Amino acid sequence: MQFADRLNQVETSAIRDLFKLLGKPGIVSFAGGFPDSAMCDVEGIRTAVNAALTEDGGGALQYGATEGYPALREQLASFMAGKGAQDVAPEQLIVTTGSQQALDLLAKTMISPGDKVIVEGPTFLAAIQCFRLYGAQLVSAPIDAQGVQTDVLEQLMAQHRPKMLYLIPTYGNPSGATLSLARRKRVLELALQYQCLVVEDDPYGDLYFDAPPPPSLLALSPQVPGSREWLAHCGSLSKVLSAGLRLGWLIAPPELLAKAVMCKQFSDANTSTFAQATAAHYLRAGRMPATLAHVRKVYAERAAGMGQALRRELGAAIDFVPPQGGLFIWARLTGAGGKIADAQELSPRAVEKGVAFVPGAPFYCANPDRATLRLSFATADLPKIEEGVRRLAQAL
């Protein structure tokens, strides 16, 4: 068969490929990028399912509007208002099949072959793959603990005149970095100055451990008049309610949103009405604040436990900035004491010892740092985290 030329631009996910190695009994996995299913509010979701079937069972089991289930759009607009985006009306967002579909719709509507797209280095692997599938030329912008370095970003925007800038400003995947308030405002100014669409991907913003993060770019956009016209915001319920419901949303300027709806019609007609009705009832019941409080507490304990274990077991052989939220510790092997300094070399040795992580190189669109690695603390309890880190130290 002769496949589409665009498939030559991508390859299978390094993370998904790694999962094939994890069939070994007793392995401790720090590789996944998903939340702990044990913390899902099963009872609350069961109640929401029953309410959806009782109040409008026929509607919940039928096709729905491509834009989304009206009751869920209303609840999501209220949810965003609670996070500082006060002026988001239900008709200004569409419901997507996970925020990954939102990224795909943005790529379909915005990217022509050869268009320049700036991404963080490192960034979400699936975003790299998605943008390349549509022919984007990716440009890497460096980050530090405060997110993308806006002085360098400005130089890159002036040089490349990108059509799109993709950021995960809050507890980034994989970096865990959070863009500072000053840099957030600067990003909005640059978007307006260079008329470049900024895509704010925000699946982790509710998962803070102590103090809440700075307001989202969306919430800050009124402070930079005109920037809202160059901003798209992607949200998700996968990390805070249920990954299996596959529910996300896209907030974007009206013209872009209309094009995204048209492309979604071609893709799946509409996101599961039943899943949307369930989520709408769950949000309306007011259970989300308690769910988030519980999840934040557990993840904060696991993040701290993993950090302490890494310091104790690996010492100077590893370096990282403790995360303030999200699901990941982004670390770098230093090679101290003659230890391995290449995460891709370490990965198979670690699997042999019974622990798995994701090497950092695939998260870069260019010039990968092979010493980096991503460790997820989300799905392992504290005893497993300590055992996994001990095994990692043995592999090193």
Protein backbone atom coordinates (compact mmCIF):
# COMPACT_ATOMS: atom_id res chain seq x y z
CA MET A 1 0.00 0.00 0.00
CA GLN A 2 1.04 3.57 -0.60
CA PHE A 3 0.28 5.58 2.49
CA ALA A 4 -0.13 9.35 2.75
CA ASP A 5 3.13 11.26 2.54
CA ARG A 6 2.37 13.04 5.80
CA LEU A 7 2.93 9.79 7.70
CA ASN A 8 6.60 10.07 6.77
CA GLN A 9 6.83 12.99 9.21
CA VAL A 10 5.90 10.98 12.32
CA GLU A 11 6.62 7.73 14.10
CA THR A 12 4.94 5.81 16.90
CA SER A 13 5.08 7.21 20.40
CA ALA A 14 8.18 6.35 22.37
CA ILE A 15 5.99 6.22 25.47
CA ARG A 16 3.51 3.79 23.94
CA ASP A 17 6.39 1.65 22.71
CA LEU A 18 7.81 1.58 26.23
CA PHE A 19 4.54 0.19 27.57
CA LYS A 20 5.19 -2.98 25.58
CA LEU A 21 8.13 -3.67 27.90
CA LEU A 22 6.07 -3.43 31.05
CA GLY A 23 4.56 -6.90 31.10
CA LYS A 24 7.17 -8.08 33.56
CA PRO A 25 5.41 -9.04 36.85
CA GLY A 26 6.06 -6.73 39.78
CA ILE A 27 7.46 -3.84 37.77
CA VAL A 28 7.10 -0.36 39.28
CA SER A 29 6.10 2.10 36.57
CA PHE A 30 6.93 5.78 36.68
CA ALA A 31 6.34 5.91 32.92
CA GLY A 32 2.64 6.66 32.58
CA GLY A 33 1.24 10.12 32.04
CA PHE A 34 -2.17 9.30 33.43
CA PRO A 35 -3.90 9.90 36.77
CA ASP A 36 -4.48 7.27 39.43
CA SER A 37 -7.79 5.55 38.69
CA ALA A 38 -8.03 4.59 42.36
CA MET A 39 -8.80 8.22 43.12
CA CYS A 40 -11.74 8.50 40.72
CA ASP A 41 -14.96 9.45 42.48
CA VAL A 42 -16.73 6.28 41.36
CA GLU A 43 -19.75 6.84 43.58
CA GLY A 44 -20.16 10.39 42.38
CA ILE A 45 -19.87 9.35 38.74
CA ARG A 46 -22.36 6.50 39.32
CA THR A 47 -24.83 9.00 40.73
CA ALA A 48 -24.26 11.29 37.75
CA VAL A 49 -24.81 8.40 35.32
CA ASN A 50 -28.10 7.54 37.01
CA ALA A 51 -29.19 11.18 36.92
CA ALA A 52 -28.34 11.44 33.22
CA LEU A 53 -30.41 8.35 32.43
CA THR A 54 -33.28 9.35 34.69
CA GLU A 55 -33.69 12.98 33.68
CA ASP A 56 -33.12 12.66 29.93
CA GLY A 57 -32.14 9.10 29.11
CA GLY A 58 -33.19 9.33 25.49
CA GLY A 59 -31.19 12.49 24.91
CA ALA A 60 -28.12 11.14 26.69
CA LEU A 61 -28.14 8.04 24.47
CA GLN A 62 -28.67 9.91 21.18
CA TYR A 63 -26.43 11.77 18.77
CA GLY A 64 -25.76 15.33 19.87
CA ALA A 65 -24.64 18.70 18.59
CA THR A 66 -21.08 18.80 17.30
CA GLU A 67 -20.42 21.82 19.53
CA GLY A 68 -21.30 19.79 22.61
CA TYR A 69 -24.07 18.93 25.05
CA PRO A 70 -25.62 22.27 26.09
CA ALA A 71 -25.76 21.47 29.81
CA LEU A 72 -22.07 20.53 29.85
CA ARG A 73 -21.06 23.65 27.93
CA GLU A 74 -22.85 25.70 30.59
CA GLN A 75 -21.13 23.83 33.41
CA LEU A 76 -17.71 24.18 31.78
CA ALA A 77 -18.21 27.91 31.30
CA SER A 78 -19.03 28.13 35.02
CA PHE A 79 -16.00 25.96 35.84
CA MET A 80 -13.75 28.35 33.88
CA ALA A 81 -15.32 31.36 35.61
CA GLY A 82 -14.34 29.81 38.93
CA LYS A 83 -10.74 29.83 37.72
CA GLY A 84 -10.75 33.51 36.78
CA ALA A 85 -11.93 33.38 33.15
CA GLN A 86 -15.10 35.27 33.96
CA ASP A 87 -16.19 36.17 30.45
CA VAL A 88 -16.36 32.72 28.82
CA ALA A 89 -19.88 32.08 27.55
CA PRO A 90 -21.06 28.53 26.74
CA GLU A 91 -21.17 29.34 23.02
CA GLN A 92 -17.50 30.34 23.14
CA LEU A 93 -16.36 26.77 23.79
CA ILE A 94 -16.84 23.40 22.16
CA VAL A 95 -16.58 20.01 23.82
CA THR A 96 -13.92 17.71 22.40
CA THR A 97 -13.05 14.04 22.79
CA GLY A 98 -10.27 14.79 25.24
CA SER A 99 -8.02 17.80 24.91
CA GLN A 100 -5.95 15.78 22.44
CA GLN A 101 -8.76 16.22 19.91
CA ALA A 102 -8.68 19.95 20.58
CA LEU A 103 -5.01 19.97 19.56
CA ASP A 104 -5.80 17.94 16.46
CA LEU A 105 -8.60 20.32 15.47
CA LEU A 106 -6.31 23.32 15.95
CA ALA A 107 -3.65 21.68 13.81
CA LYS A 108 -6.18 20.84 11.08
CA THR A 109 -7.55 24.34 10.97
CA MET A 110 -4.31 26.29 11.30
CA ILE A 111 -1.34 24.37 9.93
CA SER A 112 -0.40 24.11 6.27
CA PRO A 113 2.71 22.17 5.22
CA GLY A 114 5.77 24.27 5.95
CA ASP A 115 4.15 26.55 8.52
CA LYS A 116 6.34 27.37 11.51
CA VAL A 117 5.11 26.36 14.97
CA ILE A 118 7.06 27.15 18.13
CA VAL A 119 6.91 24.63 20.98
CA GLU A 120 8.67 24.43 24.31
CA GLY A 121 11.79 22.33 24.59
CA PRO A 122 10.74 19.91 26.05
CA THR A 123 7.01 19.62 25.42
CA PHE A 124 4.12 17.15 25.18
CA LEU A 125 5.17 14.36 22.82
CA ALA A 126 1.73 13.91 21.27
CA ALA A 127 1.62 17.60 20.35
CA ILE A 128 4.93 17.26 18.50
CA GLN A 129 3.55 14.27 16.60
CA CYS A 130 0.23 15.96 15.87
CA PHE A 131 1.75 19.16 14.48
CA ARG A 132 4.28 17.28 12.38
CA LEU A 133 1.51 15.10 10.94
CA TYR A 134 0.04 18.24 9.34
CA GLY A 135 3.39 19.37 7.99
CA ALA A 136 4.51 21.92 10.57
CA GLN A 137 8.14 22.94 10.85
CA LEU A 138 8.71 22.94 14.60
CA VAL A 139 10.97 25.42 16.36
CA SER A 140 12.09 24.75 19.93
CA ALA A 141 11.98 27.50 22.55
CA PRO A 142 14.05 26.91 25.69
CA ILE A 143 12.45 26.78 29.14
CA ASP A 144 13.61 27.02 32.72
CA ALA A 145 11.86 26.61 36.08
CA GLN A 146 9.67 29.63 35.24
CA GLY A 147 8.56 28.27 31.90
CA VAL A 148 9.41 29.44 28.41
CA GLN A 149 12.18 32.04 28.28
CA THR A 150 10.31 34.97 26.79
CA ASP A 151 13.39 36.94 25.79
CA VAL A 152 14.54 34.05 23.59
CA LEU A 153 10.95 33.44 22.49
CA GLU A 154 10.72 37.01 21.19
CA GLN A 155 13.87 36.49 19.14
CA LEU A 156 12.48 33.26 17.69
CA MET A 157 9.17 34.90 16.82
CA ALA A 158 10.93 37.77 15.08
CA GLN A 159 13.11 35.33 13.14
CA HIS A 160 10.54 32.69 12.18
CA ARG A 161 7.22 34.56 12.18
CA PRO A 162 5.37 31.44 13.38
CA LYS A 163 1.72 30.80 12.73
CA MET A 164 1.28 29.17 16.12
CA LEU A 165 2.91 28.96 19.55
CA TYR A 166 2.06 25.95 21.71
CA LEU A 167 2.57 26.17 25.48
CA ILE A 168 1.71 24.18 28.60
CA PRO A 169 2.16 27.10 30.99
CA THR A 170 1.11 25.36 34.20
CA TYR A 171 2.90 22.24 35.52
CA GLY A 172 4.08 21.33 32.03
CA ASN A 173 4.34 17.84 30.62
CA PRO A 174 7.09 16.73 30.92
CA SER A 175 8.92 19.64 32.54
CA GLY A 176 6.63 20.39 35.49
CA ALA A 177 7.54 24.06 34.98
CA THR A 178 5.07 26.88 35.61
CA LEU A 179 5.21 30.06 33.57
CA SER A 180 5.61 33.09 35.81
CA LEU A 181 2.99 35.83 35.90
CA ALA A 182 5.29 38.36 34.22
CA ARG A 183 6.13 35.92 31.44
CA ARG A 184 2.45 35.08 30.91
CA LYS A 185 1.67 38.72 30.25
CA ARG A 186 4.67 38.96 27.93
CA VAL A 187 3.48 35.96 25.93
CA LEU A 188 0.14 37.67 25.38
CA GLU A 189 1.90 40.85 24.27
CA LEU A 190 4.04 38.88 21.82
CA ALA A 191 0.99 37.09 20.43
CA LEU A 192 -0.60 40.43 19.67
CA GLN A 193 2.61 41.97 18.34
CA TYR A 194 3.40 39.12 15.95
CA GLN A 195 -0.23 38.09 15.30
CA CYS A 196 0.57 34.51 16.24
CA LEU A 197 -2.01 32.13 17.66
CA VAL A 198 -1.02 31.04 21.17
CA VAL A 199 -2.38 27.64 22.18
CA GLU A 200 -2.62 27.30 25.95
CA ASP A 201 -2.88 23.62 26.87
CA ASP A 202 -4.03 23.40 30.48
CA PRO A 203 -4.79 19.85 31.64
CA TYR A 204 -2.86 20.15 34.92
CA GLY A 205 -3.69 23.63 36.24
CA ASP A 206 -6.09 22.34 38.90
CA LEU A 207 -3.50 19.94 40.34
CA TYR A 208 -1.55 22.36 42.52
CA PHE A 209 -0.01 21.19 45.79
CA ASP A 210 0.09 24.35 47.89
CA ALA A 211 -0.65 27.79 46.52
CA PRO A 212 -2.64 28.03 43.28
CA PRO A 213 -0.65 28.86 40.12
CA PRO A 214 -0.84 32.23 38.37
CA PRO A 215 -4.02 32.86 36.38
CA SER A 216 -4.24 31.19 33.00
CA LEU A 217 -3.40 33.10 29.85
CA LEU A 218 -7.11 33.07 29.15
CA ALA A 219 -7.92 34.69 32.50
CA LEU A 220 -5.14 37.26 32.00
CA SER A 221 -6.05 38.15 28.41
CA PRO A 222 -8.30 41.13 29.36
CA GLN A 223 -5.17 42.80 30.77
CA VAL A 224 -3.64 42.78 27.27
CA PRO A 225 -6.41 44.19 25.07
CA GLY A 226 -6.67 42.41 21.74
CA SER A 227 -4.72 39.32 22.83
CA ARG A 228 -7.87 37.22 23.17
CA GLU A 229 -8.15 37.29 19.38
CA TRP A 230 -4.86 35.35 19.22
CA LEU A 231 -5.48 32.85 22.01
CA ALA A 232 -6.90 29.32 22.10
CA HIS A 233 -7.34 27.50 25.41
CA CYS A 234 -7.57 23.71 25.75
CA GLY A 235 -8.99 22.17 28.91
CA SER A 236 -9.58 18.61 30.08
CA LEU A 237 -11.48 16.60 32.67
CA SER A 238 -9.17 13.61 32.17
CA LYS A 239 -6.73 14.43 34.98
CA VAL A 240 -9.32 15.62 37.51
CA LEU A 241 -12.48 13.57 36.95
CA SER A 242 -12.05 10.58 34.62
CA ALA A 243 -9.71 9.88 31.74
CA GLY A 244 -12.14 7.26 30.46
CA LEU A 245 -14.91 9.80 29.84
CA ARG A 246 -12.59 11.38 27.22
CA LEU A 247 -13.84 14.91 27.71
CA GLY A 248 -12.01 18.12 26.93
CA TRP A 249 -12.89 21.51 25.56
CA LEU A 250 -11.61 24.24 23.29
CA ILE A 251 -12.09 27.96 23.78
CA ALA A 252 -11.07 30.05 20.77
CA PRO A 253 -12.00 33.13 18.73
CA PRO A 254 -15.34 32.70 16.94
CA GLU A 255 -13.96 32.26 13.42
CA LEU A 256 -11.45 29.65 14.53
CA LEU A 257 -14.03 27.87 16.66
CA ALA A 258 -16.39 27.63 13.67
CA LYS A 259 -13.67 26.03 11.56
CA ALA A 260 -12.87 23.60 14.38
CA VAL A 261 -16.53 22.59 14.60
CA MET A 262 -16.58 21.94 10.86
CA CYS A 263 -13.49 19.72 11.12
CA LYS A 264 -14.95 17.91 14.13
CA GLN A 265 -18.02 17.09 12.05
CA PHE A 266 -15.74 15.21 9.68
CA SER A 267 -13.94 13.44 12.54
CA ASP A 268 -16.54 12.10 14.96
CA ALA A 269 -19.78 14.08 14.47
CA ASN A 270 -19.96 14.65 18.22
CA THR A 271 -18.24 13.64 21.45
CA SER A 272 -20.13 10.95 23.39
CA THR A 273 -23.41 12.53 24.50
CA PHE A 274 -23.68 10.01 27.33
CA ALA A 275 -20.26 10.94 28.68
CA GLN A 276 -21.08 14.64 28.38
CA ALA A 277 -24.42 14.26 30.18
CA THR A 278 -22.68 12.33 32.96
CA ALA A 279 -20.05 15.05 33.40
CA ALA A 280 -22.67 17.79 33.32
CA HIS A 281 -24.59 16.17 36.18
CA TYR A 282 -21.39 15.57 38.12
CA LEU A 283 -20.31 19.21 37.87
CA ARG A 284 -23.81 20.46 38.66
CA ALA A 285 -23.88 18.30 41.81
CA GLY A 286 -20.94 20.28 43.20
CA ARG A 287 -18.66 17.33 43.94
CA MET A 288 -15.64 18.61 42.03
CA PRO A 289 -14.11 20.81 44.81
CA ALA A 290 -13.90 17.88 47.24
CA THR A 291 -12.51 15.61 44.53
CA LEU A 292 -9.82 18.14 43.66
CA ALA A 293 -8.88 18.66 47.31
CA HIS A 294 -8.35 14.93 47.77
CA VAL A 295 -6.36 14.51 44.56
CA ARG A 296 -4.12 17.48 45.33
CA LYS A 297 -3.31 16.13 48.79
CA VAL A 298 -2.40 12.64 47.53
CA TYR A 299 -0.30 13.86 44.60
CA ALA A 300 1.51 16.37 46.81
CA GLU A 301 2.48 13.57 49.22
CA ARG A 302 3.66 11.35 46.37
CA ALA A 303 5.66 14.14 44.73
CA ALA A 304 7.39 14.94 48.01
CA GLY A 305 8.03 11.26 48.67
CA MET A 306 9.57 10.71 45.27
CA GLY A 307 11.74 13.80 45.63
CA GLN A 308 13.05 12.66 49.01
CA ALA A 309 13.73 9.16 47.71
CA LEU A 310 15.61 10.47 44.68
CA ARG A 311 17.81 12.68 46.87
CA ARG A 312 18.47 9.82 49.26
CA GLU A 313 19.08 7.01 46.76
CA LEU A 314 20.68 8.81 43.79
CA GLY A 315 22.22 11.85 45.46
CA ALA A 316 24.38 13.96 43.18
CA ALA A 317 23.79 11.61 40.23
CA ILE A 318 20.42 13.28 39.56
CA ASP A 319 19.21 16.88 39.51
CA PHE A 320 15.64 18.20 39.47
CA VAL A 321 13.40 21.04 40.60
CA PRO A 322 10.64 19.80 42.94
CA PRO A 323 7.29 20.31 41.18
CA GLN A 324 4.59 22.52 42.65
CA GLY A 325 1.79 20.63 40.93
CA GLY A 326 0.95 18.25 38.12
CA LEU A 327 1.96 14.62 37.72
CA PHE A 328 5.69 14.61 36.96
CA ILE A 329 9.23 15.13 38.16
CA TRP A 330 11.50 16.19 35.30
CA ALA A 331 15.05 15.21 36.13
CA ARG A 332 18.52 15.21 34.62
CA LEU A 333 21.27 12.66 35.10
CA THR A 334 24.51 14.40 36.01
CA GLY A 335 26.99 11.54 35.61
CA ALA A 336 28.37 12.30 39.08
CA GLY A 337 30.46 9.51 40.55
CA GLY A 338 30.85 7.87 37.17
CA LYS A 339 27.14 7.02 36.97
CA ILE A 340 25.23 6.77 33.69
CA ALA A 341 24.40 10.16 32.19
CA ASP A 342 22.26 8.97 29.25
CA ALA A 343 18.62 8.26 30.14
CA GLN A 344 18.04 6.19 27.01
CA GLU A 345 20.94 3.97 28.01
CA LEU A 346 19.58 3.74 31.55
CA SER A 347 15.99 2.87 30.53
CA PRO A 348 16.45 -0.81 29.55
CA ARG A 349 18.72 -1.38 32.55
CA ALA A 350 16.01 0.04 34.77
CA VAL A 351 13.36 -2.23 33.27
CA GLU A 352 15.63 -5.19 34.01
CA LYS A 353 15.73 -4.04 37.65
CA GLY A 354 11.94 -3.75 37.70
CA VAL A 355 11.28 -0.04 37.28
CA ALA A 356 10.28 2.01 34.24
CA PHE A 357 10.47 5.70 33.34
CA VAL A 358 10.36 7.70 30.11
CA PRO A 359 13.66 9.01 28.68
CA GLY A 360 13.46 12.73 27.99
CA ALA A 361 14.84 12.90 24.45
CA PRO A 362 11.53 12.25 22.61
CA PHE A 363 9.99 15.31 24.27
CA TYR A 364 12.24 17.63 22.24
CA CYS A 365 11.44 18.61 18.67
CA ALA A 366 15.14 19.42 18.15
CA ASN A 367 18.46 19.09 19.97
CA PRO A 368 17.29 16.57 22.59
CA ASP A 369 18.95 16.42 25.97
CA ARG A 370 19.65 12.70 26.37
CA ALA A 371 20.41 13.11 30.07
CA THR A 372 16.81 14.02 30.90
CA LEU A 373 14.02 11.74 32.08
CA ARG A 374 10.38 12.00 33.16
CA LEU A 375 9.18 10.30 36.33
CA SER A 376 5.47 10.14 37.11
CA PHE A 377 4.48 9.78 40.76
CA ALA A 378 0.74 9.71 40.03
CA THR A 379 -0.08 6.01 39.99
CA ALA A 380 2.30 4.61 42.63
CA ASP A 381 1.75 4.84 46.38
CA LEU A 382 4.58 5.86 48.69
CA PRO A 383 5.95 2.33 49.35
CA LYS A 384 6.03 1.62 45.60
CA ILE A 385 7.68 4.96 44.93
CA GLU A 386 10.44 4.22 47.43
CA GLU A 387 10.95 0.72 46.05
CA GLY A 388 10.99 1.99 42.48
CA VAL A 389 13.57 4.65 43.25
CA ARG A 390 15.75 2.04 44.99
CA ARG A 391 15.61 -0.09 41.84
CA LEU A 392 16.45 2.94 39.73
CA ALA A 393 19.51 3.58 41.86
CA GLN A 394 20.59 -0.04 41.38
CA ALA A 395 20.27 0.33 37.59
CA LEU A 396 22.32 3.52 37.61
